[in-house]
Amino acid sequence: MSFTDSEIIEINKVTDLFPKGTELSVAKIIDKTPFYYGTLNSGTGIQQKNNSGDVFEIGSITKIFTAYLLAQMTVDGDVEIDASINSILPFSIKGNAEITLRELATHTSGLPRLPPGIIWQALFSNKDNPYKNYTEDKLLNYLENKLKVNSKGKIVYSNLGAGILGYILSIYSKCSYNELLTKKLFSVLNMFNSSASRDKINSRLVQGIDTKGQPAINWELGVLEGAGAVLSSTEDLAKFALANFDPSNKVMNYQRATAFENDSECLSLGWFILDKPEEGERMYFHNGGTGGYSSAMLLDIKNNNAFIILSNISGLHKLKGQKVDELVFHLMSNIVNKY
């Protein structure tokens, strides 16, 4: 089933709310078959654009890939998922705090959302590229001398924790985060338009747009690449979604298994699980945003359906969450109701 007229209308409506130059690239997977639709706000109307192979910053959807690396290395027996990061780092973190790899992948480590100084960067010093100057030295100094852990065992969304997980896995593997992703995921699934290094795919990169409708500066995540450095296309993310629909894929199955649950929230490794047991549904969701881009990804594992949206709508735009996230759920709800 290709995109319906009503789906196209809804996608075009969202594109029309944002400045000239705004693009949406949408992947729709129905019963393991992918379809693509793209739009461009030309300033004089909404045009269809074939942009399924074009590259966008995907922001925090990167965390799914970082958690995938953990899942694969666990399945392969390279690491123990409940091992403390003290067992991998070449020094003891402050107070010998016990922070496990599982906790980093499920936002239950007790680490804050952002590392010290990033809010200052975002507000004053380098607001267009706040993570750029967060170096390895700063991270190691924080872990060894300044670490504070609060709310351990509770879900507190942490870019810092996801960034540390990517760093830890790359240190263990003795290669860069991008090399690790390329070797263990992107090359395996032929995701040739995906990278954590912008230089690798810069020629296919869609220009990001800031909250004022001007060209945005591309974010550099510094040592916290695992939190949001990946760039990708809807074609590549569809390949990742299709791999999740393969029941024989042991790593994907392991990654999607419930890794932490409380009375109101359920997480696997990297995914937020949205369950409606009375309807037999089990949805997996993540979104992302940077200074010039927004993304959302929603998988319906039971029916092998998915919707993926990449855009150059700023993740800092006041309408981003209301429109990009709402659109992916709206599109899926129509499919679920229909089937």
C-alpha atoms as a PDB file:
ATOM      1  CA  MET A   1       0.000   0.000   0.000  1.00  0.00           C
ATOM      2  CA  SER A   2       1.545   3.293  -1.087  1.00  0.00           C
ATOM      3  CA  PHE A   3       0.785   6.518   0.750  1.00  0.00           C
ATOM      4  CA  THR A   4      -2.918   7.321   0.773  1.00  0.00           C
ATOM      5  CA  ASP A   5      -4.362  10.697  -0.164  1.00  0.00           C
ATOM      6  CA  SER A   6      -5.276  11.363   3.473  1.00  0.00           C
ATOM      7  CA  GLU A   7      -1.726  10.540   4.651  1.00  0.00           C
ATOM      8  CA  ILE A   8      -0.248  12.866   2.039  1.00  0.00           C
ATOM      9  CA  ILE A   9      -2.607  15.651   3.119  1.00  0.00           C
ATOM     10  CA  GLU A  10      -1.548  15.267   6.759  1.00  0.00           C
ATOM     11  CA  ILE A  11       2.172  15.255   5.885  1.00  0.00           C
ATOM     12  CA  ASN A  12       1.762  18.296   3.642  1.00  0.00           C
ATOM     13  CA  LYS A  13      -0.122  20.164   6.386  1.00  0.00           C
ATOM     14  CA  VAL A  14       2.762  19.731   8.789  1.00  0.00           C
ATOM     15  CA  THR A  15       5.316  20.815   6.170  1.00  0.00           C
ATOM     16  CA  ASP A  16       3.266  23.929   5.485  1.00  0.00           C
ATOM     17  CA  LEU A  17       3.431  25.036   9.135  1.00  0.00           C
ATOM     18  CA  PHE A  18       7.187  25.581   8.968  1.00  0.00           C
ATOM     19  CA  PRO A  19       9.488  27.957   7.039  1.00  0.00           C
ATOM     20  CA  LYS A  20      10.490  27.896   3.398  1.00  0.00           C
ATOM     21  CA  GLY A  21      12.997  25.113   2.783  1.00  0.00           C
ATOM     22  CA  THR A  22      11.418  22.747   5.293  1.00  0.00           C
ATOM     23  CA  GLU A  23      11.501  19.102   4.214  1.00  0.00           C
ATOM     24  CA  LEU A  24       9.864  15.975   5.551  1.00  0.00           C
ATOM     25  CA  SER A  25      11.043  12.538   4.514  1.00  0.00           C
ATOM     26  CA  VAL A  26       8.624   9.802   5.552  1.00  0.00           C
ATOM     27  CA  ALA A  27       8.978   6.035   5.400  1.00  0.00           C
ATOM     28  CA  LYS A  28       5.938   3.809   5.736  1.00  0.00           C
ATOM     29  CA  ILE A  29       6.323   0.058   6.211  1.00  0.00           C
ATOM     30  CA  ILE A  30       3.245  -2.111   5.846  1.00  0.00           C
ATOM     31  CA  ASP A  31       3.633  -5.841   6.471  1.00  0.00           C
ATOM     32  CA  LYS A  32       7.409  -5.559   5.864  1.00  0.00           C
ATOM     33  CA  THR A  33       7.034  -3.584   2.616  1.00  0.00           C
ATOM     34  CA  PRO A  34       8.525  -0.061   2.628  1.00  0.00           C
ATOM     35  CA  PHE A  35       7.146   3.000   0.842  1.00  0.00           C
ATOM     36  CA  TYR A  36       8.489   6.549   0.824  1.00  0.00           C
ATOM     37  CA  TYR A  37       7.084  10.050   0.494  1.00  0.00           C
ATOM     38  CA  GLY A  38       8.874  13.379   0.744  1.00  0.00           C
ATOM     39  CA  THR A  39       7.807  17.009   0.816  1.00  0.00           C
ATOM     40  CA  LEU A  40       9.432  20.419   0.410  1.00  0.00           C
ATOM     41  CA  ASN A  41       8.008  23.782   1.424  1.00  0.00           C
ATOM     42  CA  SER A  42       9.090  25.873  -1.573  1.00  0.00           C
ATOM     43  CA  GLY A  43       7.736  29.114  -0.150  1.00  0.00           C
ATOM     44  CA  THR A  44       4.973  29.178  -2.720  1.00  0.00           C
ATOM     45  CA  GLY A  45       3.485  25.794  -1.922  1.00  0.00           C
ATOM     46  CA  ILE A  46       4.232  22.209  -0.932  1.00  0.00           C
ATOM     47  CA  GLN A  47       6.090  20.131  -3.479  1.00  0.00           C
ATOM     48  CA  GLN A  48       6.662  16.406  -3.527  1.00  0.00           C
ATOM     49  CA  LYS A  49      10.364  15.564  -3.269  1.00  0.00           C
ATOM     50  CA  ASN A  50      12.175  12.265  -3.639  1.00  0.00           C
ATOM     51  CA  ASN A  51      14.339  12.554  -0.514  1.00  0.00           C
ATOM     52  CA  SER A  52      14.289   9.031   0.918  1.00  0.00           C
ATOM     53  CA  GLY A  53      18.042   8.735   0.301  1.00  0.00           C
ATOM     54  CA  ASP A  54      18.879  12.202   1.609  1.00  0.00           C
ATOM     55  CA  VAL A  55      20.578  12.576   4.976  1.00  0.00           C
ATOM     56  CA  PHE A  56      19.310  14.317   8.113  1.00  0.00           C
ATOM     57  CA  GLU A  57      20.609  14.557  11.654  1.00  0.00           C
ATOM     58  CA  ILE A  58      18.503  12.051  13.604  1.00  0.00           C
ATOM     59  CA  GLY A  59      19.356  13.340  17.088  1.00  0.00           C
ATOM     60  CA  SER A  60      18.372  11.040  19.927  1.00  0.00           C
ATOM     61  CA  ILE A  61      17.292   8.172  17.680  1.00  0.00           C
ATOM     62  CA  THR A  62      21.062   7.616  17.805  1.00  0.00           C
ATOM     63  CA  LYS A  63      20.460   6.174  21.279  1.00  0.00           C
ATOM     64  CA  ILE A  64      18.698   3.183  19.696  1.00  0.00           C
ATOM     65  CA  PHE A  65      21.864   2.414  17.736  1.00  0.00           C
ATOM     66  CA  THR A  66      24.083   2.859  20.780  1.00  0.00           C
ATOM     67  CA  ALA A  67      21.865   0.427  22.680  1.00  0.00           C
ATOM     68  CA  TYR A  68      21.982  -1.947  19.704  1.00  0.00           C
ATOM     69  CA  LEU A  69      25.763  -2.064  20.064  1.00  0.00           C
ATOM     70  CA  LEU A  70      25.329  -3.012  23.706  1.00  0.00           C
ATOM     71  CA  ALA A  71      22.792  -5.687  22.770  1.00  0.00           C
ATOM     72  CA  GLN A  72      25.080  -7.200  20.144  1.00  0.00           C
ATOM     73  CA  MET A  73      28.137  -7.170  22.383  1.00  0.00           C
ATOM     74  CA  THR A  74      26.069  -8.794  25.137  1.00  0.00           C
ATOM     75  CA  VAL A  75      24.659 -11.500  22.849  1.00  0.00           C
ATOM     76  CA  ASP A  76      28.169 -12.162  21.528  1.00  0.00           C
ATOM     77  CA  GLY A  77      29.475 -12.527  25.077  1.00  0.00           C
ATOM     78  CA  ASP A  78      31.852  -9.583  24.835  1.00  0.00           C
ATOM     79  CA  VAL A  79      30.341  -7.677  27.776  1.00  0.00           C
ATOM     80  CA  GLU A  80      28.037  -8.363  30.710  1.00  0.00           C
ATOM     81  CA  ILE A  81      25.015  -6.089  30.531  1.00  0.00           C
ATOM     82  CA  ASP A  82      24.891  -5.667  34.302  1.00  0.00           C
ATOM     83  CA  ALA A  83      28.618  -5.040  34.626  1.00  0.00           C
ATOM     84  CA  SER A  84      29.680  -1.815  36.324  1.00  0.00           C
ATOM     85  CA  ILE A  85      31.439   0.707  34.108  1.00  0.00           C
ATOM     86  CA  ASN A  86      34.206   0.632  36.726  1.00  0.00           C
ATOM     87  CA  SER A  87      35.194  -2.731  35.266  1.00  0.00           C
ATOM     88  CA  ILE A  88      35.860  -1.147  31.862  1.00  0.00           C
ATOM     89  CA  LEU A  89      37.211   2.308  32.669  1.00  0.00           C
ATOM     90  CA  PRO A  90      40.934   2.545  33.506  1.00  0.00           C
ATOM     91  CA  PHE A  91      40.102   4.316  36.791  1.00  0.00           C
ATOM     92  CA  SER A  92      37.427   4.242  39.485  1.00  0.00           C
ATOM     93  CA  ILE A  93      34.629   6.764  39.195  1.00  0.00           C
ATOM     94  CA  LYS A  94      33.959   9.059  42.140  1.00  0.00           C
ATOM     95  CA  GLY A  95      32.844   7.161  45.227  1.00  0.00           C
ATOM     96  CA  ASN A  96      33.179   3.874  43.326  1.00  0.00           C
ATOM     97  CA  ALA A  97      29.569   4.418  42.284  1.00  0.00           C
ATOM     98  CA  GLU A  98      28.018   1.354  40.693  1.00  0.00           C
ATOM     99  CA  ILE A  99      26.633   2.323  37.291  1.00  0.00           C
ATOM    100  CA  THR A 100      25.858  -0.558  34.951  1.00  0.00           C
ATOM    101  CA  LEU A 101      25.655  -0.734  31.191  1.00  0.00           C
ATOM    102  CA  ARG A 102      21.980  -1.689  31.440  1.00  0.00           C
ATOM    103  CA  GLU A 103      21.279   1.419  33.523  1.00  0.00           C
ATOM    104  CA  LEU A 104      22.953   3.647  30.949  1.00  0.00           C
ATOM    105  CA  ALA A 105      20.799   2.127  28.175  1.00  0.00           C
ATOM    106  CA  THR A 106      17.558   2.497  30.151  1.00  0.00           C
ATOM    107  CA  HIS A 107      18.049   5.963  31.699  1.00  0.00           C
ATOM    108  CA  THR A 108      18.070   4.489  35.212  1.00  0.00           C
ATOM    109  CA  SER A 109      21.689   5.234  36.171  1.00  0.00           C
ATOM    110  CA  GLY A 110      20.845   8.291  38.261  1.00  0.00           C
ATOM    111  CA  LEU A 111      22.947  10.519  36.002  1.00  0.00           C
ATOM    112  CA  PRO A 112      21.568  13.966  35.117  1.00  0.00           C
ATOM    113  CA  ARG A 113      20.058  14.746  31.719  1.00  0.00           C
ATOM    114  CA  LEU A 114      23.042  16.894  30.704  1.00  0.00           C
ATOM    115  CA  PRO A 115      26.670  17.105  31.798  1.00  0.00           C
ATOM    116  CA  PRO A 116      27.822  20.103  33.829  1.00  0.00           C
ATOM    117  CA  GLY A 117      28.292  23.237  31.737  1.00  0.00           C
ATOM    118  CA  ILE A 118      26.124  22.227  28.790  1.00  0.00           C
ATOM    119  CA  ILE A 119      23.180  24.369  29.878  1.00  0.00           C
ATOM    120  CA  TRP A 120      25.511  27.369  30.078  1.00  0.00           C
ATOM    121  CA  GLN A 121      26.801  26.533  26.606  1.00  0.00           C
ATOM    122  CA  ALA A 122      23.245  26.190  25.278  1.00  0.00           C
ATOM    123  CA  LEU A 123      22.085  29.484  26.751  1.00  0.00           C
ATOM    124  CA  PHE A 124      25.114  31.733  26.409  1.00  0.00           C
ATOM    125  CA  SER A 125      28.502  30.549  25.223  1.00  0.00           C
ATOM    126  CA  ASN A 126      27.776  28.312  22.216  1.00  0.00           C
ATOM    127  CA  LYS A 127      24.019  28.031  21.912  1.00  0.00           C
ATOM    128  CA  ASP A 128      24.123  26.947  18.263  1.00  0.00           C
ATOM    129  CA  ASN A 129      26.405  23.962  18.942  1.00  0.00           C
ATOM    130  CA  PRO A 130      26.263  23.285  22.713  1.00  0.00           C
ATOM    131  CA  TYR A 131      27.996  19.878  22.875  1.00  0.00           C
ATOM    132  CA  LYS A 132      30.938  20.728  20.609  1.00  0.00           C
ATOM    133  CA  ASN A 133      33.416  21.582  23.347  1.00  0.00           C
ATOM    134  CA  TYR A 134      32.531  18.738  25.685  1.00  0.00           C
ATOM    135  CA  THR A 135      35.776  16.799  25.349  1.00  0.00           C
ATOM    136  CA  GLU A 136      36.986  13.440  26.585  1.00  0.00           C
ATOM    137  CA  ASP A 137      39.090  15.180  29.236  1.00  0.00           C
ATOM    138  CA  LYS A 138      35.999  16.940  30.601  1.00  0.00           C
ATOM    139  CA  LEU A 139      34.031  13.706  30.711  1.00  0.00           C
ATOM    140  CA  LEU A 140      36.778  11.760  32.475  1.00  0.00           C
ATOM    141  CA  ASN A 141      37.309  14.558  34.979  1.00  0.00           C
ATOM    142  CA  TYR A 142      33.576  14.555  35.700  1.00  0.00           C
ATOM    143  CA  LEU A 143      33.449  10.806  36.232  1.00  0.00           C
ATOM    144  CA  GLU A 144      36.545  10.688  38.414  1.00  0.00           C
ATOM    145  CA  ASN A 145      36.074  13.839  40.475  1.00  0.00           C
ATOM    146  CA  LYS A 146      32.630  15.406  40.159  1.00  0.00           C
ATOM    147  CA  LEU A 147      30.127  12.616  39.588  1.00  0.00           C
ATOM    148  CA  LYS A 148      26.759  12.991  41.317  1.00  0.00           C
ATOM    149  CA  VAL A 149      24.163  10.228  41.173  1.00  0.00           C
ATOM    150  CA  ASN A 150      20.549  10.942  42.085  1.00  0.00           C
ATOM    151  CA  SER A 151      17.289   9.035  41.563  1.00  0.00           C
ATOM    152  CA  LYS A 152      19.134   5.816  40.768  1.00  0.00           C
ATOM    153  CA  GLY A 153      16.739   3.078  39.692  1.00  0.00           C
ATOM    154  CA  LYS A 154      14.193   5.583  38.373  1.00  0.00           C
ATOM    155  CA  ILE A 155      13.783   6.634  34.747  1.00  0.00           C
ATOM    156  CA  VAL A 156      15.484  10.009  34.306  1.00  0.00           C
ATOM    157  CA  TYR A 157      16.190  10.631  30.629  1.00  0.00           C
ATOM    158  CA  SER A 158      19.913  11.250  30.265  1.00  0.00           C
ATOM    159  CA  ASN A 159      21.851  12.381  27.216  1.00  0.00           C
ATOM    160  CA  LEU A 160      24.923  12.156  29.431  1.00  0.00           C
ATOM    161  CA  GLY A 161      24.246   8.502  30.237  1.00  0.00           C
ATOM    162  CA  ALA A 162      23.726   7.527  26.589  1.00  0.00           C
ATOM    163  CA  GLY A 163      26.866   9.422  25.599  1.00  0.00           C
ATOM    164  CA  ILE A 164      28.867   7.613  28.283  1.00  0.00           C
ATOM    165  CA  LEU A 165      27.522   4.269  27.040  1.00  0.00           C
ATOM    166  CA  GLY A 166      28.759   4.971  23.508  1.00  0.00           C
ATOM    167  CA  TYR A 167      32.105   6.081  24.899  1.00  0.00           C
ATOM    168  CA  ILE A 168      32.462   3.002  27.118  1.00  0.00           C
ATOM    169  CA  LEU A 169      31.666   0.600  24.261  1.00  0.00           C
ATOM    170  CA  SER A 170      34.126   2.295  21.929  1.00  0.00           C
ATOM    171  CA  ILE A 171      36.844   2.216  24.614  1.00  0.00           C
ATOM    172  CA  TYR A 172      36.200  -1.487  25.181  1.00  0.00           C
ATOM    173  CA  SER A 173      36.304  -2.183  21.427  1.00  0.00           C
ATOM    174  CA  LYS A 174      39.425  -0.033  20.913  1.00  0.00           C
ATOM    175  CA  CYS A 175      37.921   1.893  18.016  1.00  0.00           C
ATOM    176  CA  SER A 176      35.918   5.053  17.476  1.00  0.00           C
ATOM    177  CA  TYR A 177      32.165   5.146  18.008  1.00  0.00           C
ATOM    178  CA  ASN A 178      31.607   5.651  14.275  1.00  0.00           C
ATOM    179  CA  GLU A 179      33.903   2.759  13.372  1.00  0.00           C
ATOM    180  CA  LEU A 180      32.071   0.527  15.838  1.00  0.00           C
ATOM    181  CA  LEU A 181      28.648   1.452  14.427  1.00  0.00           C
ATOM    182  CA  THR A 182      29.823   1.017  10.855  1.00  0.00           C
ATOM    183  CA  LYS A 183      31.355  -2.393  11.520  1.00  0.00           C
ATOM    184  CA  LYS A 184      28.594  -3.881  13.644  1.00  0.00           C
ATOM    185  CA  LEU A 185      25.471  -2.284  12.133  1.00  0.00           C
ATOM    186  CA  PHE A 186      25.653   0.029   9.136  1.00  0.00           C
ATOM    187  CA  SER A 187      27.780  -2.261   6.943  1.00  0.00           C
ATOM    188  CA  VAL A 188      25.792  -5.337   7.977  1.00  0.00           C
ATOM    189  CA  LEU A 189      22.445  -3.791   6.975  1.00  0.00           C
ATOM    190  CA  ASN A 190      23.819  -1.875   3.963  1.00  0.00           C
ATOM    191  CA  MET A 191      22.968   1.434   5.632  1.00  0.00           C
ATOM    192  CA  PHE A 192      25.366   3.344   3.402  1.00  0.00           C
ATOM    193  CA  ASN A 193      23.784   6.750   4.061  1.00  0.00           C
ATOM    194  CA  SER A 194      24.299   6.476   7.819  1.00  0.00           C
ATOM    195  CA  SER A 195      27.256   7.691   9.850  1.00  0.00           C
ATOM    196  CA  ALA A 196      28.227   9.418  13.071  1.00  0.00           C
ATOM    197  CA  SER A 197      30.781  11.374  11.029  1.00  0.00           C
ATOM    198  CA  ARG A 198      29.238  14.161   8.969  1.00  0.00           C
ATOM    199  CA  ASP A 199      32.223  14.242   6.603  1.00  0.00           C
ATOM    200  CA  LYS A 200      31.301  10.773   5.351  1.00  0.00           C
ATOM    201  CA  ILE A 201      27.866  11.812   4.034  1.00  0.00           C
ATOM    202  CA  ASN A 202      28.069  15.604   3.763  1.00  0.00           C
ATOM    203  CA  SER A 203      27.276  15.669   0.037  1.00  0.00           C
ATOM    204  CA  ARG A 204      23.816  14.180   0.702  1.00  0.00           C
ATOM    205  CA  LEU A 205      23.015  16.260   3.781  1.00  0.00           C
ATOM    206  CA  VAL A 206      19.806  18.311   3.826  1.00  0.00           C
ATOM    207  CA  GLN A 207      20.359  21.805   5.225  1.00  0.00           C
ATOM    208  CA  GLY A 208      18.972  22.160   8.733  1.00  0.00           C
ATOM    209  CA  ILE A 209      16.786  25.139   9.651  1.00  0.00           C
ATOM    210  CA  ASP A 210      16.819  26.934  12.993  1.00  0.00           C
ATOM    211  CA  THR A 211      13.845  28.282  14.936  1.00  0.00           C
ATOM    212  CA  LYS A 212      14.015  31.573  12.993  1.00  0.00           C
ATOM    213  CA  GLY A 213      13.910  29.869   9.602  1.00  0.00           C
ATOM    214  CA  GLN A 214      17.615  30.429   8.920  1.00  0.00           C
ATOM    215  CA  PRO A 215      20.292  27.815   8.085  1.00  0.00           C
ATOM    216  CA  ALA A 216      21.258  25.972  11.258  1.00  0.00           C
ATOM    217  CA  ILE A 217      24.725  24.974  12.367  1.00  0.00           C
ATOM    218  CA  ASN A 218      25.169  21.206  12.425  1.00  0.00           C
ATOM    219  CA  TRP A 219      25.638  19.887  15.938  1.00  0.00           C
ATOM    220  CA  GLU A 220      28.863  18.212  16.994  1.00  0.00           C
ATOM    221  CA  LEU A 221      28.394  15.923  19.994  1.00  0.00           C
ATOM    222  CA  GLY A 222      31.999  15.845  21.143  1.00  0.00           C
ATOM    223  CA  VAL A 223      32.698  12.818  23.346  1.00  0.00           C
ATOM    224  CA  LEU A 224      28.954  12.187  23.786  1.00  0.00           C
ATOM    225  CA  GLU A 225      28.401  10.885  20.241  1.00  0.00           C
ATOM    226  CA  GLY A 226      26.360   7.960  21.506  1.00  0.00           C
ATOM    227  CA  ALA A 227      23.613  10.362  22.605  1.00  0.00           C
ATOM    228  CA  GLY A 228      22.847  11.920  19.235  1.00  0.00           C
ATOM    229  CA  ALA A 229      25.588  12.133  16.597  1.00  0.00           C
ATOM    230  CA  VAL A 230      24.189   9.847  13.884  1.00  0.00           C
ATOM    231  CA  LEU A 231      22.993  11.131  10.523  1.00  0.00           C
ATOM    232  CA  SER A 232      20.811   8.901   8.370  1.00  0.00           C
ATOM    233  CA  SER A 233      18.069   8.630   5.746  1.00  0.00           C
ATOM    234  CA  THR A 234      14.580   7.171   5.831  1.00  0.00           C
ATOM    235  CA  GLU A 235      15.720   4.409   3.467  1.00  0.00           C
ATOM    236  CA  ASP A 236      18.433   3.377   5.927  1.00  0.00           C
ATOM    237  CA  LEU A 237      16.190   3.607   8.979  1.00  0.00           C
ATOM    238  CA  ALA A 238      13.646   1.475   7.135  1.00  0.00           C
ATOM    239  CA  LYS A 239      16.330  -1.195   6.753  1.00  0.00           C
ATOM    240  CA  PHE A 240      16.872  -1.089  10.503  1.00  0.00           C
ATOM    241  CA  ALA A 241      13.125  -1.347  11.110  1.00  0.00           C
ATOM    242  CA  LEU A 242      12.833  -4.317   8.737  1.00  0.00           C
ATOM    243  CA  ALA A 243      15.646  -6.084  10.619  1.00  0.00           C
ATOM    244  CA  ASN A 244      13.527  -5.694  13.753  1.00  0.00           C
ATOM    245  CA  PHE A 245      10.704  -7.565  12.010  1.00  0.00           C
ATOM    246  CA  ASP A 246      12.959 -10.584  11.408  1.00  0.00           C
ATOM    247  CA  PRO A 247      12.094 -13.104  14.165  1.00  0.00           C
ATOM    248  CA  SER A 248      15.435 -14.873  13.653  1.00  0.00           C
ATOM    249  CA  ASN A 249      17.471 -11.741  14.481  1.00  0.00           C
ATOM    250  CA  LYS A 250      18.718 -12.594  17.973  1.00  0.00           C
ATOM    251  CA  VAL A 251      20.275  -9.194  18.632  1.00  0.00           C
ATOM    252  CA  MET A 252      17.153  -7.226  17.678  1.00  0.00           C
ATOM    253  CA  ASN A 253      15.004  -9.577  19.762  1.00  0.00           C
ATOM    254  CA  TYR A 254      17.312  -9.144  22.730  1.00  0.00           C
ATOM    255  CA  GLN A 255      17.364  -5.362  22.344  1.00  0.00           C
ATOM    256  CA  ARG A 256      13.555  -5.128  22.279  1.00  0.00           C
ATOM    257  CA  ALA A 257      13.022  -7.290  25.380  1.00  0.00           C
ATOM    258  CA  THR A 258      11.881  -5.364  28.427  1.00  0.00           C
ATOM    259  CA  ALA A 259      14.970  -4.156  30.299  1.00  0.00           C
ATOM    260  CA  PHE A 260      13.294  -1.934  32.893  1.00  0.00           C
ATOM    261  CA  GLU A 261       9.697  -1.416  33.936  1.00  0.00           C
ATOM    262  CA  ASN A 262       7.783   0.487  36.584  1.00  0.00           C
ATOM    263  CA  ASP A 263       4.099   1.257  37.115  1.00  0.00           C
ATOM    264  CA  SER A 264       3.912   3.770  34.273  1.00  0.00           C
ATOM    265  CA  GLU A 265       6.862   3.227  31.917  1.00  0.00           C
ATOM    266  CA  CYS A 266       8.516   0.360  30.102  1.00  0.00           C
ATOM    267  CA  LEU A 267      11.888   0.453  28.342  1.00  0.00           C
ATOM    268  CA  SER A 268      13.925  -1.989  26.359  1.00  0.00           C
ATOM    269  CA  LEU A 269      17.548  -1.228  25.476  1.00  0.00           C
ATOM    270  CA  GLY A 270      17.144   2.168  23.816  1.00  0.00           C
ATOM    271  CA  TRP A 271      13.430   1.923  22.991  1.00  0.00           C
ATOM    272  CA  PHE A 272      10.408   3.281  24.813  1.00  0.00           C
ATOM    273  CA  ILE A 273       7.805   0.504  24.769  1.00  0.00           C
ATOM    274  CA  LEU A 274       4.192   1.624  24.384  1.00  0.00           C
ATOM    275  CA  ASP A 275       1.850  -1.231  25.229  1.00  0.00           C
ATOM    276  CA  LYS A 276      -1.899  -1.584  24.867  1.00  0.00           C
ATOM    277  CA  PRO A 277      -2.387  -5.173  26.062  1.00  0.00           C
ATOM    278  CA  GLU A 278      -6.146  -5.025  25.583  1.00  0.00           C
ATOM    279  CA  GLU A 279      -5.545  -4.337  21.882  1.00  0.00           C
ATOM    280  CA  GLY A 280      -2.674  -6.762  21.528  1.00  0.00           C
ATOM    281  CA  GLU A 281      -0.271  -3.997  20.564  1.00  0.00           C
ATOM    282  CA  ARG A 282       3.409  -3.608  21.355  1.00  0.00           C
ATOM    283  CA  MET A 283       4.832  -0.412  19.918  1.00  0.00           C
ATOM    284  CA  TYR A 284       8.430   0.797  20.090  1.00  0.00           C
ATOM    285  CA  PHE A 285       9.148   4.524  19.896  1.00  0.00           C
ATOM    286  CA  HIS A 286      11.951   7.054  19.937  1.00  0.00           C
ATOM    287  CA  ASN A 287      12.307  10.566  18.642  1.00  0.00           C
ATOM    288  CA  GLY A 288      15.117  13.059  18.262  1.00  0.00           C
ATOM    289  CA  GLY A 289      15.947  16.698  17.811  1.00  0.00           C
ATOM    290  CA  THR A 290      18.971  18.906  17.218  1.00  0.00           C
ATOM    291  CA  GLY A 291      19.306  22.595  16.432  1.00  0.00           C
ATOM    292  CA  GLY A 292      18.218  22.085  12.839  1.00  0.00           C
ATOM    293  CA  TYR A 293      16.493  18.706  12.631  1.00  0.00           C
ATOM    294  CA  SER A 294      13.718  16.550  14.126  1.00  0.00           C
ATOM    295  CA  SER A 295      12.942  12.858  13.843  1.00  0.00           C
ATOM    296  CA  ALA A 296      10.501  10.220  15.042  1.00  0.00           C
ATOM    297  CA  MET A 297      10.372   6.439  14.658  1.00  0.00           C
ATOM    298  CA  LEU A 298       7.516   4.122  15.628  1.00  0.00           C
ATOM    299  CA  LEU A 299       7.470   0.332  15.151  1.00  0.00           C
ATOM    300  CA  ASP A 300       4.445  -1.976  15.382  1.00  0.00           C
ATOM    301  CA  ILE A 301       6.173  -5.308  15.916  1.00  0.00           C
ATOM    302  CA  LYS A 302       2.998  -7.409  15.963  1.00  0.00           C
ATOM    303  CA  ASN A 303       1.900  -6.329  12.461  1.00  0.00           C
ATOM    304  CA  ASN A 304       5.325  -5.563  10.937  1.00  0.00           C
ATOM    305  CA  ASN A 305       4.380  -1.931  10.360  1.00  0.00           C
ATOM    306  CA  ALA A 306       6.369   1.255  10.934  1.00  0.00           C
ATOM    307  CA  PHE A 307       6.454   4.973  10.304  1.00  0.00           C
ATOM    308  CA  ILE A 308       9.671   6.975  10.265  1.00  0.00           C
ATOM    309  CA  ILE A 309       9.897  10.751   9.885  1.00  0.00           C
ATOM    310  CA  LEU A 310      13.058  12.754   9.293  1.00  0.00           C
ATOM    311  CA  SER A 311      12.911  16.514   8.871  1.00  0.00           C
ATOM    312  CA  ASN A 312      14.946  19.693   8.945  1.00  0.00           C
ATOM    313  CA  ILE A 313      12.547  21.181  11.489  1.00  0.00           C
ATOM    314  CA  SER A 314      14.556  22.438  14.460  1.00  0.00           C
ATOM    315  CA  GLY A 315      14.237  20.261  17.521  1.00  0.00           C
ATOM    316  CA  LEU A 316      14.098  23.528  19.476  1.00  0.00           C
ATOM    317  CA  HIS A 317      11.036  24.794  17.599  1.00  0.00           C
ATOM    318  CA  LYS A 318       8.014  25.199  19.865  1.00  0.00           C
ATOM    319  CA  LEU A 319       5.843  23.173  17.459  1.00  0.00           C
ATOM    320  CA  LYS A 320       8.325  20.345  16.860  1.00  0.00           C
ATOM    321  CA  GLY A 321       6.993  17.881  19.412  1.00  0.00           C
ATOM    322  CA  GLN A 322       3.408  18.817  18.759  1.00  0.00           C
ATOM    323  CA  LYS A 323       3.710  18.246  15.037  1.00  0.00           C
ATOM    324  CA  VAL A 324       6.474  15.749  14.173  1.00  0.00           C
ATOM    325  CA  ASP A 325       5.778  13.351  17.050  1.00  0.00           C
ATOM    326  CA  GLU A 326       2.018  13.721  16.724  1.00  0.00           C
ATOM    327  CA  LEU A 327       2.224  13.041  12.988  1.00  0.00           C
ATOM    328  CA  VAL A 328       4.023   9.709  13.394  1.00  0.00           C
ATOM    329  CA  PHE A 329       1.429   8.539  15.942  1.00  0.00           C
ATOM    330  CA  HIS A 330      -1.459   9.831  13.844  1.00  0.00           C
ATOM    331  CA  LEU A 331      -0.223   7.986  10.761  1.00  0.00           C
ATOM    332  CA  MET A 332       0.214   4.765  12.712  1.00  0.00           C
ATOM    333  CA  SER A 333      -3.182   5.032  14.401  1.00  0.00           C
ATOM    334  CA  ASN A 334      -4.881   5.137  11.025  1.00  0.00           C
ATOM    335  CA  ILE A 335      -3.079   1.950   9.983  1.00  0.00           C
ATOM    336  CA  VAL A 336      -3.813   0.146  13.256  1.00  0.00           C
ATOM    337  CA  ASN A 337      -7.495   1.036  13.046  1.00  0.00           C
ATOM    338  CA  LYS A 338      -7.639  -0.057   9.437  1.00  0.00           C
ATOM    339  CA  TYR A 339      -6.061  -3.421  10.061  1.00  0.00           C
END
